[in-house]
N, C-alpha and C. Protein backbone atom coordinates (compact mmCIF):
# COMPACT_ATOMS: atom_id res chain seq x y z
N MET A 1 0.85 -1.16 0.00
CA MET A 1 0.00 0.00 0.00
C MET A 1 0.90 1.23 0.00
N SER A 2 0.49 2.20 -0.75
CA SER A 2 1.27 3.42 -0.82
C SER A 2 0.79 4.47 0.17
N ASP A 3 -0.37 4.24 0.79
CA ASP A 3 -0.93 5.25 1.68
C ASP A 3 -1.87 4.56 2.67
N ASP A 4 -2.26 5.28 3.70
CA ASP A 4 -3.22 4.75 4.67
C ASP A 4 -4.61 4.68 4.04
N VAL A 5 -5.39 3.73 4.54
CA VAL A 5 -6.77 3.56 4.07
C VAL A 5 -7.67 3.60 5.29
N PRO A 6 -8.68 4.45 5.29
CA PRO A 6 -9.61 4.51 6.44
C PRO A 6 -10.29 3.17 6.68
N ILE A 7 -10.52 2.86 7.94
CA ILE A 7 -11.05 1.55 8.31
C ILE A 7 -12.46 1.32 7.76
N VAL A 8 -13.26 2.36 7.64
CA VAL A 8 -14.61 2.17 7.08
C VAL A 8 -14.53 1.80 5.61
N VAL A 9 -13.53 2.30 4.90
CA VAL A 9 -13.32 1.92 3.50
C VAL A 9 -12.96 0.44 3.42
N VAL A 10 -12.14 -0.01 4.35
CA VAL A 10 -11.77 -1.43 4.38
C VAL A 10 -13.00 -2.29 4.63
N LEU A 11 -13.81 -1.89 5.59
CA LEU A 11 -15.04 -2.65 5.88
C LEU A 11 -15.96 -2.70 4.67
N LYS A 12 -16.10 -1.56 3.99
CA LYS A 12 -16.96 -1.54 2.81
C LYS A 12 -16.39 -2.42 1.69
N ALA A 13 -15.07 -2.42 1.54
CA ALA A 13 -14.44 -3.26 0.52
C ALA A 13 -14.66 -4.74 0.83
N MET A 14 -14.84 -5.06 2.09
CA MET A 14 -15.08 -6.44 2.48
C MET A 14 -16.55 -6.83 2.41
N GLY A 15 -17.38 -5.92 1.92
CA GLY A 15 -18.77 -6.27 1.67
C GLY A 15 -19.80 -5.65 2.59
N VAL A 16 -19.38 -4.83 3.54
CA VAL A 16 -20.34 -4.13 4.40
C VAL A 16 -20.96 -3.03 3.55
N ALA A 17 -22.22 -3.16 3.26
CA ALA A 17 -22.84 -2.32 2.23
C ALA A 17 -23.23 -0.92 2.70
N SER A 18 -23.63 -0.78 3.95
CA SER A 18 -24.16 0.52 4.37
C SER A 18 -23.50 1.02 5.64
N ASP A 19 -23.63 2.32 5.86
CA ASP A 19 -23.13 2.94 7.09
C ASP A 19 -23.86 2.39 8.30
N GLN A 20 -25.14 2.13 8.14
CA GLN A 20 -25.93 1.58 9.24
C GLN A 20 -25.38 0.22 9.67
N GLU A 21 -24.99 -0.59 8.71
CA GLU A 21 -24.43 -1.90 9.02
C GLU A 21 -23.10 -1.77 9.77
N VAL A 22 -22.27 -0.79 9.38
CA VAL A 22 -21.01 -0.53 10.08
C VAL A 22 -21.29 -0.20 11.54
N VAL A 23 -22.24 0.70 11.77
CA VAL A 23 -22.58 1.11 13.14
C VAL A 23 -23.13 -0.08 13.92
N GLN A 24 -23.98 -0.88 13.31
CA GLN A 24 -24.55 -2.03 14.01
C GLN A 24 -23.48 -3.06 14.35
N LEU A 25 -22.48 -3.22 13.49
CA LEU A 25 -21.40 -4.16 13.76
C LEU A 25 -20.53 -3.70 14.93
N VAL A 26 -20.21 -2.42 14.97
CA VAL A 26 -19.34 -1.90 16.02
C VAL A 26 -20.11 -1.72 17.32
N GLY A 27 -21.31 -1.22 17.22
CA GLY A 27 -22.15 -1.01 18.39
C GLY A 27 -23.10 0.13 18.14
N SER A 28 -24.37 -0.08 18.39
CA SER A 28 -25.37 0.94 18.08
C SER A 28 -25.62 1.89 19.24
N GLU A 29 -24.96 1.63 20.39
CA GLU A 29 -25.09 2.55 21.51
C GLU A 29 -24.48 3.89 21.12
N GLY A 30 -24.93 4.94 21.76
CA GLY A 30 -24.49 6.29 21.42
C GLY A 30 -22.98 6.47 21.44
N LYS A 31 -22.33 5.87 22.40
CA LYS A 31 -20.87 5.99 22.54
C LYS A 31 -20.16 5.51 21.27
N PHE A 32 -20.59 4.40 20.73
CA PHE A 32 -19.94 3.81 19.57
C PHE A 32 -20.31 4.52 18.27
N SER A 33 -21.59 4.86 18.14
CA SER A 33 -22.00 5.54 16.91
C SER A 33 -21.40 6.94 16.82
N GLN A 34 -21.25 7.63 17.94
CA GLN A 34 -20.62 8.95 17.93
C GLN A 34 -19.14 8.84 17.58
N ALA A 35 -18.49 7.81 18.10
CA ALA A 35 -17.07 7.63 17.82
C ALA A 35 -16.82 7.30 16.35
N MET A 36 -17.75 6.63 15.71
CA MET A 36 -17.59 6.23 14.32
C MET A 36 -18.07 7.29 13.33
N ALA A 37 -18.77 8.32 13.81
CA ALA A 37 -19.38 9.31 12.92
C ALA A 37 -18.38 9.97 11.99
N ALA A 38 -17.24 10.41 12.51
CA ALA A 38 -16.25 11.10 11.67
C ALA A 38 -15.65 10.15 10.63
N SER A 39 -15.44 8.90 11.00
CA SER A 39 -14.90 7.93 10.04
C SER A 39 -15.90 7.65 8.92
N LEU A 40 -17.17 7.59 9.29
CA LEU A 40 -18.20 7.38 8.28
C LEU A 40 -18.31 8.58 7.35
N GLN A 41 -18.20 9.78 7.90
CA GLN A 41 -18.25 10.99 7.08
C GLN A 41 -17.05 11.07 6.15
N GLU A 42 -15.88 10.65 6.63
CA GLU A 42 -14.69 10.65 5.78
C GLU A 42 -14.88 9.73 4.58
N CYS A 43 -15.47 8.59 4.82
CA CYS A 43 -15.73 7.63 3.74
C CYS A 43 -16.67 8.24 2.71
N THR A 44 -17.70 8.92 3.16
CA THR A 44 -18.64 9.57 2.26
C THR A 44 -17.98 10.71 1.49
N SER A 45 -17.13 11.47 2.18
CA SER A 45 -16.46 12.59 1.51
C SER A 45 -15.48 12.11 0.44
N LEU A 46 -14.98 10.89 0.58
CA LEU A 46 -14.11 10.30 -0.44
C LEU A 46 -14.92 9.76 -1.63
N GLY A 47 -16.24 9.78 -1.52
CA GLY A 47 -17.10 9.30 -2.60
C GLY A 47 -17.24 7.79 -2.62
N ILE A 48 -17.05 7.17 -1.48
CA ILE A 48 -17.13 5.70 -1.39
C ILE A 48 -18.46 5.33 -0.76
N ASN A 49 -19.34 4.77 -1.58
CA ASN A 49 -20.67 4.41 -1.12
C ASN A 49 -20.97 2.92 -1.25
N THR A 50 -20.22 2.23 -2.07
CA THR A 50 -20.47 0.81 -2.31
C THR A 50 -19.18 0.02 -2.11
N PRO A 51 -19.30 -1.31 -1.96
CA PRO A 51 -18.10 -2.14 -1.90
C PRO A 51 -17.22 -2.02 -3.15
N ALA A 52 -17.83 -1.83 -4.30
CA ALA A 52 -17.05 -1.68 -5.53
C ALA A 52 -16.23 -0.39 -5.50
N ASP A 53 -16.83 0.69 -5.00
CA ASP A 53 -16.10 1.96 -4.86
C ASP A 53 -14.90 1.78 -3.92
N ALA A 54 -15.12 1.06 -2.82
CA ALA A 54 -14.06 0.85 -1.84
C ALA A 54 -12.92 0.02 -2.42
N LEU A 55 -13.26 -1.02 -3.17
CA LEU A 55 -12.22 -1.84 -3.80
C LEU A 55 -11.41 -1.04 -4.81
N GLU A 56 -12.07 -0.19 -5.57
CA GLU A 56 -11.37 0.68 -6.52
C GLU A 56 -10.43 1.63 -5.78
N PHE A 57 -10.89 2.21 -4.69
CA PHE A 57 -10.08 3.13 -3.90
C PHE A 57 -8.83 2.43 -3.37
N ILE A 58 -9.01 1.24 -2.81
CA ILE A 58 -7.88 0.48 -2.28
C ILE A 58 -6.96 0.05 -3.42
N GLY A 59 -7.55 -0.35 -4.55
CA GLY A 59 -6.75 -0.77 -5.71
C GLY A 59 -5.83 0.32 -6.20
N LYS A 60 -6.26 1.57 -6.11
CA LYS A 60 -5.42 2.70 -6.52
C LYS A 60 -4.25 2.90 -5.57
N LYS A 61 -4.41 2.43 -4.33
CA LYS A 61 -3.37 2.61 -3.32
C LYS A 61 -2.33 1.48 -3.33
N VAL A 62 -2.65 0.38 -3.98
CA VAL A 62 -1.74 -0.77 -3.99
C VAL A 62 -0.57 -0.48 -4.91
N ARG A 63 0.62 -0.65 -4.39
CA ARG A 63 1.81 -0.45 -5.21
C ARG A 63 1.97 -1.64 -6.14
N ALA A 64 2.45 -1.36 -7.32
CA ALA A 64 2.74 -2.44 -8.26
C ALA A 64 3.96 -3.20 -7.74
N ALA A 65 3.79 -4.47 -7.54
CA ALA A 65 4.90 -5.28 -7.04
C ALA A 65 5.92 -5.47 -8.16
N SER A 66 7.17 -5.34 -7.81
CA SER A 66 8.20 -5.52 -8.84
C SER A 66 8.45 -7.01 -9.03
N ARG A 67 8.36 -7.44 -10.24
CA ARG A 67 8.55 -8.84 -10.56
C ARG A 67 9.72 -8.99 -11.52
N GLY A 68 10.40 -10.09 -11.41
CA GLY A 68 11.52 -10.36 -12.30
C GLY A 68 11.05 -10.78 -13.68
N GLU A 69 11.97 -10.86 -14.59
CA GLU A 69 11.64 -11.26 -15.97
C GLU A 69 11.03 -12.65 -16.03
N TRP A 70 11.50 -13.51 -15.15
CA TRP A 70 11.05 -14.91 -15.19
C TRP A 70 9.65 -15.09 -14.61
N GLN A 71 9.13 -14.10 -13.97
CA GLN A 71 7.87 -14.24 -13.27
C GLN A 71 6.77 -13.39 -13.92
N ARG A 72 6.59 -13.54 -15.18
CA ARG A 72 5.57 -12.77 -15.91
C ARG A 72 4.19 -13.41 -15.69
N ALA A 73 3.46 -12.86 -14.77
CA ALA A 73 2.11 -13.35 -14.51
C ALA A 73 1.12 -12.48 -15.29
N ALA A 74 -0.04 -13.04 -15.51
CA ALA A 74 -1.08 -12.26 -16.18
C ALA A 74 -1.43 -11.07 -15.31
N ARG A 75 -1.54 -9.93 -15.90
CA ARG A 75 -1.83 -8.71 -15.15
C ARG A 75 -3.27 -8.74 -14.64
N ARG A 76 -3.42 -8.48 -13.36
CA ARG A 76 -4.75 -8.46 -12.75
C ARG A 76 -5.21 -7.02 -12.61
N SER A 77 -6.49 -6.86 -12.51
CA SER A 77 -7.04 -5.52 -12.32
C SER A 77 -6.72 -5.03 -10.91
N LYS A 78 -6.79 -3.73 -10.72
CA LYS A 78 -6.54 -3.15 -9.41
C LYS A 78 -7.57 -3.64 -8.38
N VAL A 79 -8.79 -3.86 -8.82
CA VAL A 79 -9.83 -4.37 -7.92
C VAL A 79 -9.47 -5.78 -7.46
N ASP A 80 -8.99 -6.62 -8.37
CA ASP A 80 -8.58 -7.97 -8.00
C ASP A 80 -7.39 -7.95 -7.05
N GLU A 81 -6.44 -7.04 -7.29
CA GLU A 81 -5.29 -6.92 -6.39
C GLU A 81 -5.74 -6.47 -5.00
N ALA A 82 -6.67 -5.55 -4.94
CA ALA A 82 -7.19 -5.10 -3.64
C ALA A 82 -7.89 -6.23 -2.92
N ARG A 83 -8.70 -6.99 -3.64
CA ARG A 83 -9.41 -8.12 -3.05
C ARG A 83 -8.43 -9.17 -2.51
N GLU A 84 -7.37 -9.45 -3.28
CA GLU A 84 -6.34 -10.40 -2.83
C GLU A 84 -5.63 -9.90 -1.59
N LEU A 85 -5.31 -8.61 -1.57
CA LEU A 85 -4.65 -8.01 -0.41
C LEU A 85 -5.51 -8.15 0.84
N LEU A 86 -6.78 -7.85 0.72
CA LEU A 86 -7.68 -7.96 1.86
C LEU A 86 -7.85 -9.42 2.30
N ALA A 87 -7.86 -10.32 1.35
CA ALA A 87 -8.08 -11.73 1.68
C ALA A 87 -6.86 -12.40 2.30
N HIS A 88 -5.66 -12.06 1.79
CA HIS A 88 -4.49 -12.86 2.17
C HIS A 88 -3.40 -12.11 2.92
N VAL A 89 -3.45 -10.78 2.98
CA VAL A 89 -2.40 -10.03 3.66
C VAL A 89 -2.93 -9.40 4.94
N LEU A 90 -4.04 -8.69 4.84
CA LEU A 90 -4.64 -8.05 6.01
C LEU A 90 -5.19 -9.11 6.96
N LEU A 91 -4.76 -9.08 8.20
CA LEU A 91 -5.18 -10.08 9.20
C LEU A 91 -5.08 -11.49 8.62
N ALA A 92 -3.89 -11.84 8.22
CA ALA A 92 -3.65 -13.11 7.52
C ALA A 92 -4.03 -14.32 8.38
N HIS A 93 -4.06 -14.17 9.69
CA HIS A 93 -4.41 -15.29 10.56
C HIS A 93 -5.91 -15.60 10.57
N VAL A 94 -6.72 -14.71 10.02
CA VAL A 94 -8.16 -14.96 9.90
C VAL A 94 -8.41 -15.42 8.47
N SER A 95 -8.82 -16.66 8.33
CA SER A 95 -8.93 -17.24 6.99
C SER A 95 -10.14 -16.72 6.22
N VAL A 96 -9.96 -16.64 4.91
CA VAL A 96 -11.03 -16.23 3.99
C VAL A 96 -11.21 -17.36 2.98
N VAL A 97 -12.42 -17.87 2.87
CA VAL A 97 -12.72 -18.93 1.93
C VAL A 97 -13.68 -18.39 0.89
N ASP A 98 -13.30 -18.49 -0.38
CA ASP A 98 -14.14 -18.01 -1.49
C ASP A 98 -14.53 -16.54 -1.33
N TYR A 99 -13.60 -15.75 -0.86
CA TYR A 99 -13.80 -14.31 -0.67
C TYR A 99 -14.98 -13.98 0.23
N ASN A 100 -15.22 -14.84 1.20
CA ASN A 100 -16.21 -14.55 2.23
C ASN A 100 -15.46 -13.84 3.36
N PHE A 101 -15.57 -12.52 3.41
CA PHE A 101 -14.82 -11.70 4.35
C PHE A 101 -15.50 -11.57 5.71
N TRP A 102 -16.62 -12.22 5.91
CA TRP A 102 -17.39 -12.02 7.13
C TRP A 102 -16.57 -12.26 8.40
N PRO A 103 -15.75 -13.32 8.52
CA PRO A 103 -14.96 -13.48 9.75
C PRO A 103 -14.01 -12.29 10.00
N LYS A 104 -13.42 -11.74 8.95
CA LYS A 104 -12.54 -10.57 9.12
C LYS A 104 -13.33 -9.33 9.49
N VAL A 105 -14.51 -9.17 8.92
CA VAL A 105 -15.37 -8.02 9.25
C VAL A 105 -15.73 -8.05 10.73
N VAL A 106 -16.12 -9.21 11.23
CA VAL A 106 -16.50 -9.34 12.63
C VAL A 106 -15.28 -9.08 13.53
N TYR A 107 -14.12 -9.57 13.13
CA TYR A 107 -12.90 -9.37 13.90
C TYR A 107 -12.54 -7.89 13.99
N ILE A 108 -12.59 -7.20 12.86
CA ILE A 108 -12.28 -5.76 12.83
C ILE A 108 -13.30 -4.97 13.66
N ALA A 109 -14.59 -5.31 13.52
CA ALA A 109 -15.63 -4.61 14.28
C ALA A 109 -15.42 -4.81 15.78
N GLN A 110 -15.03 -6.01 16.16
CA GLN A 110 -14.77 -6.28 17.58
C GLN A 110 -13.56 -5.47 18.08
N MET A 111 -12.52 -5.37 17.27
CA MET A 111 -11.35 -4.56 17.64
C MET A 111 -11.74 -3.09 17.80
N LEU A 112 -12.52 -2.58 16.85
CA LEU A 112 -12.97 -1.19 16.93
C LEU A 112 -13.80 -0.96 18.20
N ARG A 113 -14.69 -1.87 18.47
CA ARG A 113 -15.54 -1.75 19.66
C ARG A 113 -14.70 -1.70 20.93
N ARG A 114 -13.70 -2.57 21.02
CA ARG A 114 -12.85 -2.60 22.21
C ARG A 114 -12.00 -1.34 22.32
N MET A 115 -11.53 -0.82 21.18
CA MET A 115 -10.74 0.41 21.21
C MET A 115 -11.59 1.59 21.69
N ILE A 116 -12.81 1.68 21.17
CA ILE A 116 -13.69 2.78 21.56
C ILE A 116 -14.07 2.64 23.04
N TYR A 117 -14.36 1.43 23.45
CA TYR A 117 -14.73 1.19 24.84
C TYR A 117 -13.58 1.56 25.78
N ALA A 118 -12.36 1.27 25.36
CA ALA A 118 -11.18 1.56 26.19
C ALA A 118 -10.92 3.06 26.31
N GLU A 119 -11.40 3.84 25.36
CA GLU A 119 -11.19 5.29 25.41
C GLU A 119 -11.89 5.94 26.59
N GLY A 120 -12.96 5.30 27.06
CA GLY A 120 -13.59 5.81 28.27
C GLY A 120 -14.75 6.76 28.06
N ASP A 121 -14.59 7.99 28.46
CA ASP A 121 -15.64 8.99 28.54
C ASP A 121 -16.32 9.25 27.20
N ALA A 122 -17.64 9.10 27.14
CA ALA A 122 -18.38 9.30 25.89
C ALA A 122 -18.33 10.75 25.43
N SER A 123 -18.33 11.71 26.34
CA SER A 123 -18.27 13.11 25.93
C SER A 123 -16.93 13.44 25.27
N TYR A 124 -15.89 12.77 25.70
CA TYR A 124 -14.58 12.93 25.08
C TYR A 124 -14.59 12.38 23.66
N MET A 125 -15.31 11.28 23.47
CA MET A 125 -15.33 10.61 22.17
C MET A 125 -16.09 11.41 21.11
N VAL A 126 -16.96 12.33 21.52
CA VAL A 126 -17.70 13.12 20.54
C VAL A 126 -16.74 13.92 19.66
N SER A 127 -15.68 14.44 20.28
CA SER A 127 -14.77 15.30 19.53
C SER A 127 -13.55 14.56 18.98
N VAL A 128 -13.39 13.31 19.32
CA VAL A 128 -12.22 12.56 18.87
C VAL A 128 -12.64 11.65 17.72
N ARG A 129 -11.88 11.69 16.67
CA ARG A 129 -12.17 10.89 15.50
C ARG A 129 -11.48 9.54 15.63
N VAL A 130 -12.16 8.49 15.25
CA VAL A 130 -11.53 7.17 15.28
C VAL A 130 -10.49 7.15 14.16
N ARG A 131 -9.25 7.05 14.55
CA ARG A 131 -8.15 7.13 13.59
C ARG A 131 -7.52 5.76 13.40
N VAL A 132 -8.30 4.85 12.92
CA VAL A 132 -7.79 3.52 12.63
C VAL A 132 -7.62 3.44 11.13
N LYS A 133 -6.41 3.29 10.71
CA LYS A 133 -6.13 3.15 9.30
C LYS A 133 -5.27 1.93 9.10
N VAL A 134 -5.35 1.36 7.96
CA VAL A 134 -4.61 0.15 7.66
C VAL A 134 -3.36 0.50 6.87
N ARG A 135 -2.26 -0.02 7.29
CA ARG A 135 -1.00 0.20 6.57
C ARG A 135 -0.39 -1.17 6.31
N VAL A 136 -0.36 -1.56 5.07
CA VAL A 136 0.22 -2.83 4.67
C VAL A 136 1.27 -2.55 3.63
N ARG A 137 2.45 -3.05 3.84
CA ARG A 137 3.53 -2.89 2.86
C ARG A 137 3.57 -4.12 1.97
N VAL A 138 3.44 -3.91 0.70
CA VAL A 138 3.48 -5.02 -0.27
C VAL A 138 4.67 -4.86 -1.15
């Protein structure tokens, strides 16, 4: 990856279709929805509304891997490269079968929930943006 990717973009690329679903996965209580509000707005401001938009966004961030002369593989689309990255590099210990990202989505949502819960005071969380971004070097 050449740049950070917002966590809501990652969730959308893994098939979470709506902002409401993101909030329900992390927690629908006020503390959690308020903490996620800025991240959801950032995703919208980037013009990412569907899983396809998110995969395209991530695909643009993936660096072209340098390959030797002997390793000429068929060129894949940026969307396919993004999907492969999410399936096999990000949280590699959580298996993905047939591009079913649901176990990884639940794992990420649980991590977000615990991070927000650990922050403590809900009034503090109103002004603090959830700054979870994914950085993967390929």
